[in-house]
Amino acid sequence: MDLKDVTEDLSNQYNYRIEQRLEEMMRTNPNYKNLDRHNRELILDLIKKYKEKIRKGIKPSRLTVREDKYYLHQNRIKLGLTYRDLEQINKLLESFKE
Protein backbone atom coordinates (compact mmCIF):
# COMPACT_ATOMS: atom_id res chain seq x y z
CA MET A 1 0.00 0.00 0.00
CA ASP A 2 1.27 3.47 -0.91
CA LEU A 3 0.08 7.06 -0.50
CA LYS A 4 -1.56 6.87 -3.93
CA ASP A 5 -3.64 3.95 -2.64
CA VAL A 6 -4.79 6.06 0.29
CA THR A 7 -5.99 8.84 -2.00
CA GLU A 8 -7.56 6.53 -4.55
CA ASP A 9 -11.21 7.43 -5.25
CA LEU A 10 -10.88 10.37 -2.87
CA SER A 11 -14.14 12.06 -3.74
CA ASN A 12 -16.23 9.10 -2.59
CA GLN A 13 -14.54 8.47 0.76
CA TYR A 14 -15.39 9.76 4.20
CA ASN A 15 -12.71 11.37 6.36
CA TYR A 16 -12.62 8.49 8.84
CA ARG A 17 -12.01 6.00 6.00
CA ILE A 18 -9.11 8.07 4.70
CA GLU A 19 -7.63 8.11 8.20
CA GLN A 20 -8.08 4.33 8.45
CA ARG A 21 -6.35 3.76 5.12
CA LEU A 22 -3.48 6.07 6.13
CA GLU A 23 -3.00 4.25 9.43
CA GLU A 24 -3.12 0.90 7.64
CA MET A 25 -0.47 2.10 5.19
CA MET A 26 1.73 3.27 8.07
CA ARG A 27 1.50 -0.18 9.68
CA THR A 28 2.05 -2.26 6.56
CA ASN A 29 4.53 -0.24 4.50
CA PRO A 30 7.98 0.03 6.10
CA ASN A 31 8.91 2.98 3.86
CA TYR A 32 6.59 5.24 5.86
CA LYS A 33 7.65 4.25 9.37
CA ASN A 34 9.65 7.48 9.64
CA LEU A 35 6.53 9.68 9.65
CA ASP A 36 5.60 10.71 13.17
CA ARG A 37 2.21 11.83 14.51
CA HIS A 38 2.67 15.48 13.44
CA ASN A 39 3.63 14.44 9.92
CA ARG A 40 0.58 12.21 9.70
CA GLU A 41 -1.66 15.09 10.78
CA LEU A 42 -0.02 17.29 8.14
CA ILE A 43 -0.66 14.65 5.48
CA LEU A 44 -4.27 14.27 6.59
CA ASP A 45 -4.79 18.03 6.43
CA LEU A 46 -3.40 18.10 2.88
CA ILE A 47 -5.59 15.18 1.84
CA LYS A 48 -8.70 16.80 3.31
CA LYS A 49 -7.89 20.12 1.63
CA TYR A 50 -7.63 18.51 -1.80
CA LYS A 51 -10.56 16.18 -1.14
CA GLU A 52 -12.93 19.10 -0.76
CA LYS A 53 -11.77 20.55 -4.07
CA ILE A 54 -12.04 17.21 -5.85
CA ARG A 55 -15.49 16.59 -4.39
CA LYS A 56 -16.66 19.90 -5.90
CA GLY A 57 -15.26 18.83 -9.28
CA ILE A 58 -12.22 21.10 -9.15
CA LYS A 59 -9.03 19.36 -10.18
CA PRO A 60 -6.03 20.74 -8.24
CA SER A 61 -3.83 22.89 -10.46
CA ARG A 62 -0.09 22.56 -10.78
CA LEU A 63 0.28 26.00 -9.25
CA THR A 64 -1.64 25.02 -6.11
CA VAL A 65 0.45 21.87 -5.70
CA ARG A 66 3.65 23.83 -6.27
CA GLU A 67 2.64 26.45 -3.70
CA ASP A 68 2.03 23.72 -1.11
CA LYS A 69 5.39 22.14 -1.90
CA TYR A 70 7.09 25.51 -1.57
CA TYR A 71 5.39 26.19 1.78
CA LEU A 72 6.46 22.80 3.13
CA HIS A 73 10.02 23.27 1.96
CA GLN A 74 10.28 26.79 3.38
CA ASN A 75 8.85 25.73 6.76
CA ARG A 76 10.58 22.35 6.86
CA ILE A 77 12.45 23.02 10.10
CA LYS A 78 9.49 24.62 11.86
CA LEU A 79 7.27 21.66 10.89
CA GLY A 80 9.95 19.15 11.87
CA LEU A 81 10.19 17.55 8.43
CA THR A 82 13.25 15.72 7.18
CA TYR A 83 14.17 15.60 3.52
CA ARG A 84 12.82 12.05 3.35
CA ASP A 85 9.50 13.22 4.82
CA LEU A 86 9.38 16.02 2.25
CA GLU A 87 10.07 13.59 -0.57
CA GLN A 88 7.21 11.34 0.52
CA ILE A 89 4.79 14.24 0.95
CA ASN A 90 5.82 15.58 -2.47
CA LYS A 91 4.89 12.22 -4.01
CA LEU A 92 1.48 12.57 -2.41
CA LEU A 93 1.05 16.08 -3.79
CA GLU A 94 2.14 14.94 -7.25
CA SER A 95 -0.52 12.22 -7.17
CA PHE A 96 -3.21 14.90 -6.87
CA LYS A 97 -2.15 16.48 -10.18
CA GLU A 98 -2.75 13.30 -12.17
C-alpha atoms as a PDB file:
ATOM      1  CA  MET A   1       0.000   0.000   0.000  1.00  0.00           C
ATOM      2  CA  ASP A   2       1.272   3.468  -0.912  1.00  0.00           C
ATOM      3  CA  LEU A   3       0.076   7.060  -0.503  1.00  0.00           C
ATOM      4  CA  LYS A   4      -1.556   6.871  -3.928  1.00  0.00           C
ATOM      5  CA  ASP A   5      -3.640   3.952  -2.645  1.00  0.00           C
ATOM      6  CA  VAL A   6      -4.794   6.059   0.295  1.00  0.00           C
ATOM      7  CA  THR A   7      -5.986   8.842  -2.002  1.00  0.00           C
ATOM      8  CA  GLU A   8      -7.564   6.526  -4.553  1.00  0.00           C
ATOM      9  CA  ASP A   9     -11.213   7.431  -5.248  1.00  0.00           C
ATOM     10  CA  LEU A  10     -10.878  10.368  -2.872  1.00  0.00           C
ATOM     11  CA  SER A  11     -14.143  12.062  -3.742  1.00  0.00           C
ATOM     12  CA  ASN A  12     -16.228   9.097  -2.591  1.00  0.00           C
ATOM     13  CA  GLN A  13     -14.538   8.469   0.758  1.00  0.00           C
ATOM     14  CA  TYR A  14     -15.387   9.755   4.202  1.00  0.00           C
ATOM     15  CA  ASN A  15     -12.709  11.369   6.362  1.00  0.00           C
ATOM     16  CA  TYR A  16     -12.623   8.495   8.841  1.00  0.00           C
ATOM     17  CA  ARG A  17     -12.010   5.997   6.001  1.00  0.00           C
ATOM     18  CA  ILE A  18      -9.111   8.070   4.702  1.00  0.00           C
ATOM     19  CA  GLU A  19      -7.633   8.111   8.201  1.00  0.00           C
ATOM     20  CA  GLN A  20      -8.082   4.332   8.451  1.00  0.00           C
ATOM     21  CA  ARG A  21      -6.347   3.764   5.124  1.00  0.00           C
ATOM     22  CA  LEU A  22      -3.484   6.073   6.127  1.00  0.00           C
ATOM     23  CA  GLU A  23      -2.999   4.247   9.430  1.00  0.00           C
ATOM     24  CA  GLU A  24      -3.117   0.902   7.641  1.00  0.00           C
ATOM     25  CA  MET A  25      -0.474   2.104   5.190  1.00  0.00           C
ATOM     26  CA  MET A  26       1.734   3.267   8.073  1.00  0.00           C
ATOM     27  CA  ARG A  27       1.502  -0.180   9.682  1.00  0.00           C
ATOM     28  CA  THR A  28       2.046  -2.261   6.560  1.00  0.00           C
ATOM     29  CA  ASN A  29       4.535  -0.244   4.500  1.00  0.00           C
ATOM     30  CA  PRO A  30       7.983   0.033   6.100  1.00  0.00           C
ATOM     31  CA  ASN A  31       8.913   2.983   3.856  1.00  0.00           C
ATOM     32  CA  TYR A  32       6.591   5.239   5.856  1.00  0.00           C
ATOM     33  CA  LYS A  33       7.645   4.254   9.373  1.00  0.00           C
ATOM     34  CA  ASN A  34       9.651   7.485   9.641  1.00  0.00           C
ATOM     35  CA  LEU A  35       6.533   9.684   9.651  1.00  0.00           C
ATOM     36  CA  ASP A  36       5.599  10.706  13.170  1.00  0.00           C
ATOM     37  CA  ARG A  37       2.214  11.833  14.507  1.00  0.00           C
ATOM     38  CA  HIS A  38       2.674  15.478  13.444  1.00  0.00           C
ATOM     39  CA  ASN A  39       3.631  14.442   9.920  1.00  0.00           C
ATOM     40  CA  ARG A  40       0.578  12.209   9.703  1.00  0.00           C
ATOM     41  CA  GLU A  41      -1.655  15.094  10.782  1.00  0.00           C
ATOM     42  CA  LEU A  42      -0.015  17.291   8.140  1.00  0.00           C
ATOM     43  CA  ILE A  43      -0.658  14.647   5.481  1.00  0.00           C
ATOM     44  CA  LEU A  44      -4.274  14.265   6.592  1.00  0.00           C
ATOM     45  CA  ASP A  45      -4.786  18.029   6.432  1.00  0.00           C
ATOM     46  CA  LEU A  46      -3.403  18.104   2.881  1.00  0.00           C
ATOM     47  CA  ILE A  47      -5.588  15.182   1.838  1.00  0.00           C
ATOM     48  CA  LYS A  48      -8.698  16.800   3.312  1.00  0.00           C
ATOM     49  CA  LYS A  49      -7.893  20.116   1.625  1.00  0.00           C
ATOM     50  CA  TYR A  50      -7.634  18.514  -1.796  1.00  0.00           C
ATOM     51  CA  LYS A  51     -10.559  16.179  -1.139  1.00  0.00           C
ATOM     52  CA  GLU A  52     -12.932  19.104  -0.756  1.00  0.00           C
ATOM     53  CA  LYS A  53     -11.773  20.545  -4.072  1.00  0.00           C
ATOM     54  CA  ILE A  54     -12.044  17.205  -5.849  1.00  0.00           C
ATOM     55  CA  ARG A  55     -15.492  16.594  -4.388  1.00  0.00           C
ATOM     56  CA  LYS A  56     -16.664  19.897  -5.896  1.00  0.00           C
ATOM     57  CA  GLY A  57     -15.258  18.830  -9.276  1.00  0.00           C
ATOM     58  CA  ILE A  58     -12.218  21.099  -9.153  1.00  0.00           C
ATOM     59  CA  LYS A  59      -9.025  19.358 -10.176  1.00  0.00           C
ATOM     60  CA  PRO A  60      -6.026  20.742  -8.245  1.00  0.00           C
ATOM     61  CA  SER A  61      -3.831  22.887 -10.462  1.00  0.00           C
ATOM     62  CA  ARG A  62      -0.094  22.562 -10.775  1.00  0.00           C
ATOM     63  CA  LEU A  63       0.281  26.000  -9.247  1.00  0.00           C
ATOM     64  CA  THR A  64      -1.641  25.016  -6.114  1.00  0.00           C
ATOM     65  CA  VAL A  65       0.449  21.874  -5.702  1.00  0.00           C
ATOM     66  CA  ARG A  66       3.653  23.830  -6.274  1.00  0.00           C
ATOM     67  CA  GLU A  67       2.635  26.451  -3.699  1.00  0.00           C
ATOM     68  CA  ASP A  68       2.033  23.716  -1.108  1.00  0.00           C
ATOM     69  CA  LYS A  69       5.390  22.137  -1.896  1.00  0.00           C
ATOM     70  CA  TYR A  70       7.086  25.513  -1.565  1.00  0.00           C
ATOM     71  CA  TYR A  71       5.387  26.194   1.776  1.00  0.00           C
ATOM     72  CA  LEU A  72       6.461  22.800   3.128  1.00  0.00           C
ATOM     73  CA  HIS A  73      10.023  23.271   1.960  1.00  0.00           C
ATOM     74  CA  GLN A  74      10.284  26.793   3.383  1.00  0.00           C
ATOM     75  CA  ASN A  75       8.849  25.734   6.758  1.00  0.00           C
ATOM     76  CA  ARG A  76      10.580  22.352   6.857  1.00  0.00           C
ATOM     77  CA  ILE A  77      12.452  23.017  10.095  1.00  0.00           C
ATOM     78  CA  LYS A  78       9.489  24.622  11.862  1.00  0.00           C
ATOM     79  CA  LEU A  79       7.273  21.660  10.886  1.00  0.00           C
ATOM     80  CA  GLY A  80       9.951  19.148  11.873  1.00  0.00           C
ATOM     81  CA  LEU A  81      10.187  17.546   8.433  1.00  0.00           C
ATOM     82  CA  THR A  82      13.254  15.720   7.179  1.00  0.00           C
ATOM     83  CA  TYR A  83      14.168  15.598   3.517  1.00  0.00           C
ATOM     84  CA  ARG A  84      12.821  12.046   3.352  1.00  0.00           C
ATOM     85  CA  ASP A  85       9.504  13.220   4.816  1.00  0.00           C
ATOM     86  CA  LEU A  86       9.383  16.025   2.250  1.00  0.00           C
ATOM     87  CA  GLU A  87      10.073  13.587  -0.565  1.00  0.00           C
ATOM     88  CA  GLN A  88       7.210  11.335   0.519  1.00  0.00           C
ATOM     89  CA  ILE A  89       4.787  14.237   0.947  1.00  0.00           C
ATOM     90  CA  ASN A  90       5.821  15.578  -2.470  1.00  0.00           C
ATOM     91  CA  LYS A  91       4.891  12.215  -4.007  1.00  0.00           C
ATOM     92  CA  LEU A  92       1.481  12.566  -2.409  1.00  0.00           C
ATOM     93  CA  LEU A  93       1.051  16.077  -3.792  1.00  0.00           C
ATOM     94  CA  GLU A  94       2.140  14.936  -7.252  1.00  0.00           C
ATOM     95  CA  SER A  95      -0.516  12.217  -7.171  1.00  0.00           C
ATOM     96  CA  PHE A  96      -3.215  14.898  -6.875  1.00  0.00           C
ATOM     97  CA  LYS A  97      -2.152  16.481 -10.177  1.00  0.00           C
ATOM     98  CA  GLU A  98      -2.747  13.299 -12.175  1.00  0.00           C
END
